[in-house]
C-alpha atoms as a PDB file:
ATOM      1  CA  MET A   1       0.000   0.000   0.000  1.00  0.00           C
ATOM      2  CA  LYS A   2       2.868   2.340   0.885  1.00  0.00           C
ATOM      3  CA  LYS A   3       4.470   1.724  -2.502  1.00  0.00           C
ATOM      4  CA  VAL A   4       1.179   2.492  -4.230  1.00  0.00           C
ATOM      5  CA  LEU A   5       0.824   5.770  -2.336  1.00  0.00           C
ATOM      6  CA  VAL A   6       4.395   6.762  -3.221  1.00  0.00           C
ATOM      7  CA  LEU A   7       3.745   5.939  -6.877  1.00  0.00           C
ATOM      8  CA  VAL A   8       0.501   7.933  -6.889  1.00  0.00           C
ATOM      9  CA  ALA A   9       2.234  10.881  -5.226  1.00  0.00           C
ATOM     10  CA  ALA A  10       5.039  10.734  -7.797  1.00  0.00           C
ATOM     11  CA  LEU A  11       2.534  10.663 -10.649  1.00  0.00           C
ATOM     12  CA  LEU A  12       0.657  13.620  -9.158  1.00  0.00           C
ATOM     13  CA  VAL A  13       3.885  15.621  -8.889  1.00  0.00           C
ATOM     14  CA  CYS A  14       4.754  14.821 -12.509  1.00  0.00           C
ATOM     15  CA  PHE A  15       1.258  15.808 -13.605  1.00  0.00           C
ATOM     16  CA  VAL A  16       1.393  19.135 -11.739  1.00  0.00           C
ATOM     17  CA  VAL A  17       4.842  19.990 -13.143  1.00  0.00           C
ATOM     18  CA  THR A  18       3.772  19.063 -16.670  1.00  0.00           C
ATOM     19  CA  ALA A  19       0.564  21.077 -16.343  1.00  0.00           C
ATOM     20  CA  GLN A  20       2.498  24.079 -15.075  1.00  0.00           C
ATOM     21  CA  ASP A  21       4.952  23.814 -17.980  1.00  0.00           C
ATOM     22  CA  LYS A  22       2.088  23.595 -20.451  1.00  0.00           C
ATOM     23  CA  ARG A  23       0.306  26.492 -18.773  1.00  0.00           C
ATOM     24  CA  ALA A  24       3.486  28.583 -18.896  1.00  0.00           C
ATOM     25  CA  SER A  25       3.872  27.698 -22.559  1.00  0.00           C
ATOM     26  CA  ILE A  26       0.266  28.605 -23.304  1.00  0.00           C
ATOM     27  CA  ASP A  27       0.317  31.781 -21.207  1.00  0.00           C
ATOM     28  CA  GLN A  28       3.483  33.118 -22.882  1.00  0.00           C
ATOM     29  CA  LYS A  29       1.661  34.503 -25.880  1.00  0.00           C
ATOM     30  CA  SER A  30       3.623  37.779 -26.031  1.00  0.00           C
ATOM     31  CA  ALA A  31       7.262  38.510 -26.782  1.00  0.00           C
ATOM     32  CA  PHE A  32       9.235  41.750 -26.796  1.00  0.00           C
ATOM     33  CA  SER A  33      12.685  41.933 -28.376  1.00  0.00           C
ATOM     34  CA  ILE A  34      15.420  44.341 -29.426  1.00  0.00           C
ATOM     35  CA  ASN A  35      17.888  43.696 -32.240  1.00  0.00           C
ATOM     36  CA  ILE A  36      20.570  45.635 -34.076  1.00  0.00           C
ATOM     37  CA  GLY A  37      23.031  45.007 -36.879  1.00  0.00           C
ATOM     38  CA  PRO A  38      24.417  46.047 -40.274  1.00  0.00           C
ATOM     39  CA  SER A  39      22.062  47.221 -43.010  1.00  0.00           C
ATOM     40  CA  LEU A  40      23.189  46.378 -46.553  1.00  0.00           C
ATOM     41  CA  PRO A  41      21.816  48.578 -49.370  1.00  0.00           C
ATOM     42  CA  VAL A  42      20.742  46.687 -52.494  1.00  0.00           C
ATOM     43  CA  GLY A  43      19.373  47.569 -55.932  1.00  0.00           C
ATOM     44  CA  ASP A  44      18.953  51.245 -56.768  1.00  0.00           C
ATOM     45  CA  PHE A  45      19.753  52.284 -53.214  1.00  0.00           C
ATOM     46  CA  GLU A  46      23.355  51.085 -53.480  1.00  0.00           C
ATOM     47  CA  SER A  47      23.712  52.053 -57.159  1.00  0.00           C
ATOM     48  CA  THR A  48      26.474  54.502 -58.069  1.00  0.00           C
ATOM     49  CA  ASN A  49      25.411  54.750 -61.709  1.00  0.00           C
ATOM     50  CA  GLU A  50      25.176  58.465 -62.523  1.00  0.00           C
ATOM     51  CA  ASP A  51      22.749  57.655 -65.360  1.00  0.00           C
ATOM     52  CA  ASN A  52      20.305  56.018 -62.916  1.00  0.00           C
ATOM     53  CA  PRO A  53      17.845  58.699 -61.722  1.00  0.00           C
ATOM     54  CA  ASN A  54      16.981  56.562 -58.665  1.00  0.00           C
ATOM     55  CA  ALA A  55      20.573  55.778 -57.681  1.00  0.00           C
ATOM     56  CA  GLY A  56      21.047  56.198 -53.932  1.00  0.00           C
ATOM     57  CA  PHE A  57      24.861  55.989 -53.566  1.00  0.00           C
ATOM     58  CA  ALA A  58      24.238  54.531 -50.089  1.00  0.00           C
ATOM     59  CA  LYS A  59      26.918  52.822 -48.027  1.00  0.00           C
ATOM     60  CA  THR A  60      26.406  49.922 -45.652  1.00  0.00           C
ATOM     61  CA  GLY A  61      24.809  51.335 -42.531  1.00  0.00           C
ATOM     62  CA  PHE A  62      23.099  50.041 -39.430  1.00  0.00           C
ATOM     63  CA  ASN A  63      19.558  49.391 -38.238  1.00  0.00           C
ATOM     64  CA  PHE A  64      17.857  49.147 -34.865  1.00  0.00           C
ATOM     65  CA  ASN A  65      14.537  47.413 -34.132  1.00  0.00           C
ATOM     66  CA  LEU A  66      11.955  47.133 -31.370  1.00  0.00           C
ATOM     67  CA  ASN A  67       9.664  44.130 -31.900  1.00  0.00           C
ATOM     68  CA  TYR A  68       6.462  42.916 -30.295  1.00  0.00           C
ATOM     69  CA  ASP A  69       4.762  39.616 -31.137  1.00  0.00           C
ATOM     70  CA  TYR A  70       1.439  38.203 -29.986  1.00  0.00           C
ATOM     71  CA  LYS A  71       0.369  34.632 -30.747  1.00  0.00           C
ATOM     72  CA  PHE A  72      -3.341  33.962 -31.215  1.00  0.00           C
ATOM     73  CA  ILE A  73      -2.580  30.244 -31.472  1.00  0.00           C
ATOM     74  CA  PRO A  74       0.790  28.437 -31.091  1.00  0.00           C
ATOM     75  CA  ASN A  75       1.857  28.918 -34.733  1.00  0.00           C
ATOM     76  CA  VAL A  76       0.066  32.081 -35.877  1.00  0.00           C
ATOM     77  CA  GLY A  77       0.084  35.587 -34.496  1.00  0.00           C
ATOM     78  CA  LEU A  78       0.627  39.266 -35.136  1.00  0.00           C
ATOM     79  CA  GLY A  79       3.956  41.087 -35.251  1.00  0.00           C
ATOM     80  CA  ALA A  80       4.737  44.778 -34.816  1.00  0.00           C
ATOM     81  CA  ASN A  81       8.036  46.503 -35.538  1.00  0.00           C
ATOM     82  CA  VAL A  82       9.466  49.973 -34.880  1.00  0.00           C
ATOM     83  CA  PHE A  83      12.679  50.477 -36.836  1.00  0.00           C
ATOM     84  CA  TYR A  84      15.452  53.000 -37.483  1.00  0.00           C
ATOM     85  CA  GLY A  85      18.095  52.908 -40.207  1.00  0.00           C
ATOM     86  CA  PHE A  86      21.122  55.048 -41.053  1.00  0.00           C
ATOM     87  CA  HIS A  87      23.411  55.108 -44.102  1.00  0.00           C
ATOM     88  CA  ASN A  88      26.230  57.415 -45.073  1.00  0.00           C
ATOM     89  CA  ILE A  89      26.465  58.332 -48.724  1.00  0.00           C
ATOM     90  CA  GLN A  90      29.398  57.487 -50.975  1.00  0.00           C
ATOM     91  CA  ASP A  91      30.606  61.060 -51.242  1.00  0.00           C
ATOM     92  CA  GLU A  92      34.029  59.879 -52.435  1.00  0.00           C
ATOM     93  CA  LEU A  93      32.426  59.822 -55.895  1.00  0.00           C
ATOM     94  CA  LEU A  94      31.518  63.485 -55.507  1.00  0.00           C
ATOM     95  CA  HIS A  95      35.147  64.299 -54.834  1.00  0.00           C
ATOM     96  CA  ASN A  96      35.978  63.027 -58.313  1.00  0.00           C
ATOM     97  CA  ILE A  97      33.751  65.789 -59.664  1.00  0.00           C
ATOM     98  CA  ALA A  98      34.448  68.529 -57.120  1.00  0.00           C
ATOM     99  CA  THR A  99      37.066  68.091 -54.413  1.00  0.00           C
ATOM    100  CA  ASN A 100      35.390  70.572 -52.081  1.00  0.00           C
ATOM    101  CA  SER A 101      32.002  68.808 -52.115  1.00  0.00           C
ATOM    102  CA  SER A 102      30.485  66.567 -49.451  1.00  0.00           C
ATOM    103  CA  ALA A 103      27.195  64.926 -48.476  1.00  0.00           C
ATOM    104  CA  ASP A 104      25.885  63.654 -45.186  1.00  0.00           C
ATOM    105  CA  HIS A 105      23.510  60.669 -44.831  1.00  0.00           C
ATOM    106  CA  TYR A 106      20.179  58.923 -45.224  1.00  0.00           C
ATOM    107  CA  GLN A 107      18.103  58.004 -42.211  1.00  0.00           C
ATOM    108  CA  TYR A 108      14.642  56.531 -41.835  1.00  0.00           C
ATOM    109  CA  VAL A 109      12.252  55.516 -39.091  1.00  0.00           C
ATOM    110  CA  GLY A 110       8.974  53.625 -39.319  1.00  0.00           C
ATOM    111  CA  VAL A 111       6.248  51.469 -37.823  1.00  0.00           C
ATOM    112  CA  LEU A 112       5.087  48.160 -39.332  1.00  0.00           C
ATOM    113  CA  ILE A 113       2.531  45.504 -38.465  1.00  0.00           C
ATOM    114  CA  GLY A 114       1.536  42.198 -40.012  1.00  0.00           C
ATOM    115  CA  PRO A 115       1.020  38.439 -39.628  1.00  0.00           C
ATOM    116  CA  MET A 116       3.578  36.181 -37.967  1.00  0.00           C
ATOM    117  CA  PHE A 117       4.067  32.440 -38.407  1.00  0.00           C
ATOM    118  CA  SER A 118       6.081  30.311 -35.973  1.00  0.00           C
ATOM    119  CA  GLY A 119       7.506  26.833 -35.837  1.00  0.00           C
ATOM    120  CA  VAL A 120       9.416  24.745 -33.289  1.00  0.00           C
ATOM    121  CA  ILE A 121      12.884  23.405 -34.121  1.00  0.00           C
ATOM    122  CA  THR A 122      13.784  22.037 -30.668  1.00  0.00           C
ATOM    123  CA  PRO A 123      12.174  22.519 -27.227  1.00  0.00           C
ATOM    124  CA  LYS A 124      14.369  25.615 -26.739  1.00  0.00           C
ATOM    125  CA  THR A 125      14.617  26.821 -30.335  1.00  0.00           C
ATOM    126  CA  ASN A 126      11.944  28.204 -32.635  1.00  0.00           C
ATOM    127  CA  ILE A 127      11.743  30.001 -35.955  1.00  0.00           C
ATOM    128  CA  ASN A 128       9.475  32.907 -36.870  1.00  0.00           C
ATOM    129  CA  PHE A 129       8.507  34.660 -40.105  1.00  0.00           C
ATOM    130  CA  ARG A 130       6.741  38.011 -40.504  1.00  0.00           C
ATOM    131  CA  LEU A 131       5.374  39.969 -43.451  1.00  0.00           C
ATOM    132  CA  MET A 132       4.619  43.506 -42.314  1.00  0.00           C
ATOM    133  CA  GLY A 133       3.523  46.776 -43.846  1.00  0.00           C
ATOM    134  CA  GLY A 134       3.246  50.319 -42.562  1.00  0.00           C
ATOM    135  CA  VAL A 135       4.741  53.761 -42.967  1.00  0.00           C
ATOM    136  CA  ALA A 136       8.294  55.088 -42.937  1.00  0.00           C
ATOM    137  CA  ARG A 137       9.629  58.606 -42.609  1.00  0.00           C
ATOM    138  CA  SER A 138      12.899  59.092 -44.523  1.00  0.00           C
ATOM    139  CA  ASN A 139      15.519  61.834 -44.688  1.00  0.00           C
ATOM    140  CA  SER A 140      17.548  62.610 -47.819  1.00  0.00           C
ATOM    141  CA  PRO A 141      21.193  63.754 -47.711  1.00  0.00           C
ATOM    142  CA  GLU A 142      22.316  67.372 -47.772  1.00  0.00           C
ATOM    143  CA  PHE A 143      24.974  68.263 -50.341  1.00  0.00           C
ATOM    144  CA  VAL A 144      27.585  70.934 -49.669  1.00  0.00           C
ATOM    145  CA  LEU A 145      30.033  72.602 -52.075  1.00  0.00           C
ATOM    146  CA  ASN A 146      32.763  74.948 -50.864  1.00  0.00           C
ATOM    147  CA  GLY A 147      31.029  75.203 -47.497  1.00  0.00           C
ATOM    148  CA  ALA A 148      27.666  76.238 -48.974  1.00  0.00           C
ATOM    149  CA  THR A 149      24.596  73.997 -49.208  1.00  0.00           C
ATOM    150  CA  PHE A 150      23.494  73.539 -52.806  1.00  0.00           C
ATOM    151  CA  VAL A 151      21.029  70.656 -52.219  1.00  0.00           C
ATOM    152  CA  GLU A 152      19.024  70.729 -49.003  1.00  0.00           C
ATOM    153  CA  GLY A 153      17.902  67.557 -47.281  1.00  0.00           C
ATOM    154  CA  ASP A 154      14.218  66.705 -47.010  1.00  0.00           C
ATOM    155  CA  TRP A 155      11.919  64.433 -45.000  1.00  0.00           C
ATOM    156  CA  ALA A 156       9.240  62.392 -46.783  1.00  0.00           C
ATOM    157  CA  SER A 157       6.733  59.730 -45.759  1.00  0.00           C
ATOM    158  CA  ALA A 158       5.955  56.606 -47.800  1.00  0.00           C
ATOM    159  CA  PHE A 159       4.550  53.110 -47.535  1.00  0.00           C
ATOM    160  CA  ALA A 160       7.099  50.580 -46.266  1.00  0.00           C
ATOM    161  CA  TRP A 161       7.105  46.805 -46.058  1.00  0.00           C
ATOM    162  CA  LYS A 162       9.364  44.186 -44.560  1.00  0.00           C
ATOM    163  CA  LEU A 163       9.795  40.436 -44.871  1.00  0.00           C
ATOM    164  CA  ASP A 164      11.890  38.978 -42.097  1.00  0.00           C
ATOM    165  CA  GLY A 165      12.604  35.858 -40.134  1.00  0.00           C
ATOM    166  CA  ASP A 166      14.435  34.964 -36.965  1.00  0.00           C
ATOM    167  CA  VAL A 167      15.637  32.014 -34.949  1.00  0.00           C
ATOM    168  CA  ARG A 168      15.228  32.300 -31.181  1.00  0.00           C
ATOM    169  CA  PHE A 169      17.272  30.353 -28.653  1.00  0.00           C
ATOM    170  CA  SER A 170      15.772  30.292 -25.153  1.00  0.00           C
ATOM    171  CA  PHE A 171      18.373  30.533 -22.379  1.00  0.00           C
ATOM    172  CA  SER A 172      15.808  30.730 -19.566  1.00  0.00           C
ATOM    173  CA  LYS A 173      12.083  30.270 -19.098  1.00  0.00           C
ATOM    174  CA  ASN A 174      11.315  33.842 -20.182  1.00  0.00           C
ATOM    175  CA  ALA A 175      14.373  35.079 -22.110  1.00  0.00           C
ATOM    176  CA  PHE A 176      15.884  34.325 -25.488  1.00  0.00           C
ATOM    177  CA  PHE A 177      18.710  35.258 -27.840  1.00  0.00           C
ATOM    178  CA  MET A 178      17.774  35.863 -31.474  1.00  0.00           C
ATOM    179  CA  LEU A 179      19.365  35.979 -34.937  1.00  0.00           C
ATOM    180  CA  ASN A 180      17.372  37.901 -37.527  1.00  0.00           C
ATOM    181  CA  VAL A 181      17.511  38.558 -41.262  1.00  0.00           C
ATOM    182  CA  GLY A 182      15.090  40.842 -43.091  1.00  0.00           C
ATOM    183  CA  TYR A 183      14.400  42.735 -46.294  1.00  0.00           C
ATOM    184  CA  LEU A 184      12.965  46.261 -46.011  1.00  0.00           C
ATOM    185  CA  GLN A 185      11.728  48.528 -48.804  1.00  0.00           C
ATOM    186  CA  THR A 186      10.277  52.029 -48.963  1.00  0.00           C
ATOM    187  CA  ARG A 187      10.176  54.600 -51.775  1.00  0.00           C
ATOM    188  CA  PRO A 188      10.047  58.169 -50.451  1.00  0.00           C
ATOM    189  CA  ASP A 189       9.507  60.972 -52.957  1.00  0.00           C
ATOM    190  CA  PHE A 190      11.666  63.843 -51.729  1.00  0.00           C
ATOM    191  CA  LYS A 191      11.135  67.470 -52.661  1.00  0.00           C
ATOM    192  CA  VAL A 192      14.665  68.851 -52.571  1.00  0.00           C
ATOM    193  CA  ASN A 193      15.777  72.437 -52.838  1.00  0.00           C
ATOM    194  CA  PHE A 194      18.406  72.486 -55.588  1.00  0.00           C
ATOM    195  CA  LEU A 195      19.963  75.959 -55.873  1.00  0.00           C
ATOM    196  CA  GLY A 196      16.644  77.576 -55.011  1.00  0.00           C
ATOM    197  CA  GLU A 197      14.482  75.346 -57.214  1.00  0.00           C
ATOM    198  CA  ILE A 198      12.255  72.564 -55.830  1.00  0.00           C
ATOM    199  CA  GLU A 199      12.745  69.239 -57.600  1.00  0.00           C
ATOM    200  CA  ASN A 200      11.278  65.783 -56.984  1.00  0.00           C
ATOM    201  CA  ALA A 201      13.663  62.919 -56.260  1.00  0.00           C
ATOM    202  CA  GLU A 202      12.299  59.420 -55.616  1.00  0.00           C
ATOM    203  CA  ILE A 203      14.755  57.159 -53.843  1.00  0.00           C
ATOM    204  CA  HIS A 204      14.213  53.401 -53.788  1.00  0.00           C
ATOM    205  CA  VAL A 205      15.361  52.463 -50.291  1.00  0.00           C
ATOM    206  CA  SER A 206      15.968  48.701 -50.291  1.00  0.00           C
ATOM    207  CA  VAL A 207      18.080  47.033 -47.610  1.00  0.00           C
ATOM    208  CA  ILE A 208      18.937  43.618 -46.213  1.00  0.00           C
ATOM    209  CA  ASN A 209      19.368  43.644 -42.435  1.00  0.00           C
ATOM    210  CA  LEU A 210      21.479  41.114 -40.527  1.00  0.00           C
ATOM    211  CA  ASN A 211      20.737  41.433 -36.833  1.00  0.00           C
ATOM    212  CA  ALA A 212      21.247  39.906 -33.418  1.00  0.00           C
ATOM    213  CA  GLY A 213      19.378  40.684 -30.238  1.00  0.00           C
ATOM    214  CA  VAL A 214      17.635  39.559 -27.073  1.00  0.00           C
ATOM    215  CA  GLY A 215      14.041  39.328 -25.938  1.00  0.00           C
ATOM    216  CA  ILE A 216      11.604  38.237 -23.264  1.00  0.00           C
ATOM    217  CA  LYS A 217       8.434  36.143 -23.348  1.00  0.00           C
ATOM    218  CA  PHE A 218       5.440  36.882 -21.138  1.00  0.00           C
END
């Protein structure tokens, strides 16, 4: 009888622990994370072709992200992203034309939201994909010649979208390390002041981001 009671007690303990683990897993529907890394310009944004009207002459920069995810069910949820990106411009090419010329940088900030899909690789590792859309606010470079500004920078808003994925490695019950890769695109139409005249300049901002970060589940 004593052995039976011990066995029943052991089974009850196992059941309670398992139930608590499952409850914790079910209750952790939200995740907040931060990641940062290099931002690689691609397509027109990195182009240095002077005959390309959409050439951006952008250098490799960096990006910073705040992410929030909410799972409606274990494999499907909603993702939100606040991002910032920064790129210097390849003004070395300007020096070939005028040695006393310079340009500063591009920068952009935005908010995106969209569906998220998740899968489990191991008990402590999962993979997530998001396709998000929203709005970005971008800043064009200012160009200076002989100490005087001849093209003023401008801020413009435009639709933005991002496709990204990450792998998350849990190192505690509520915390994880993440590796992230994503593609971001926005096409702001700047109105720049060129020697006193307003001209339109559409820049095709396209970047691939390679990030690492940390997050918490709750």
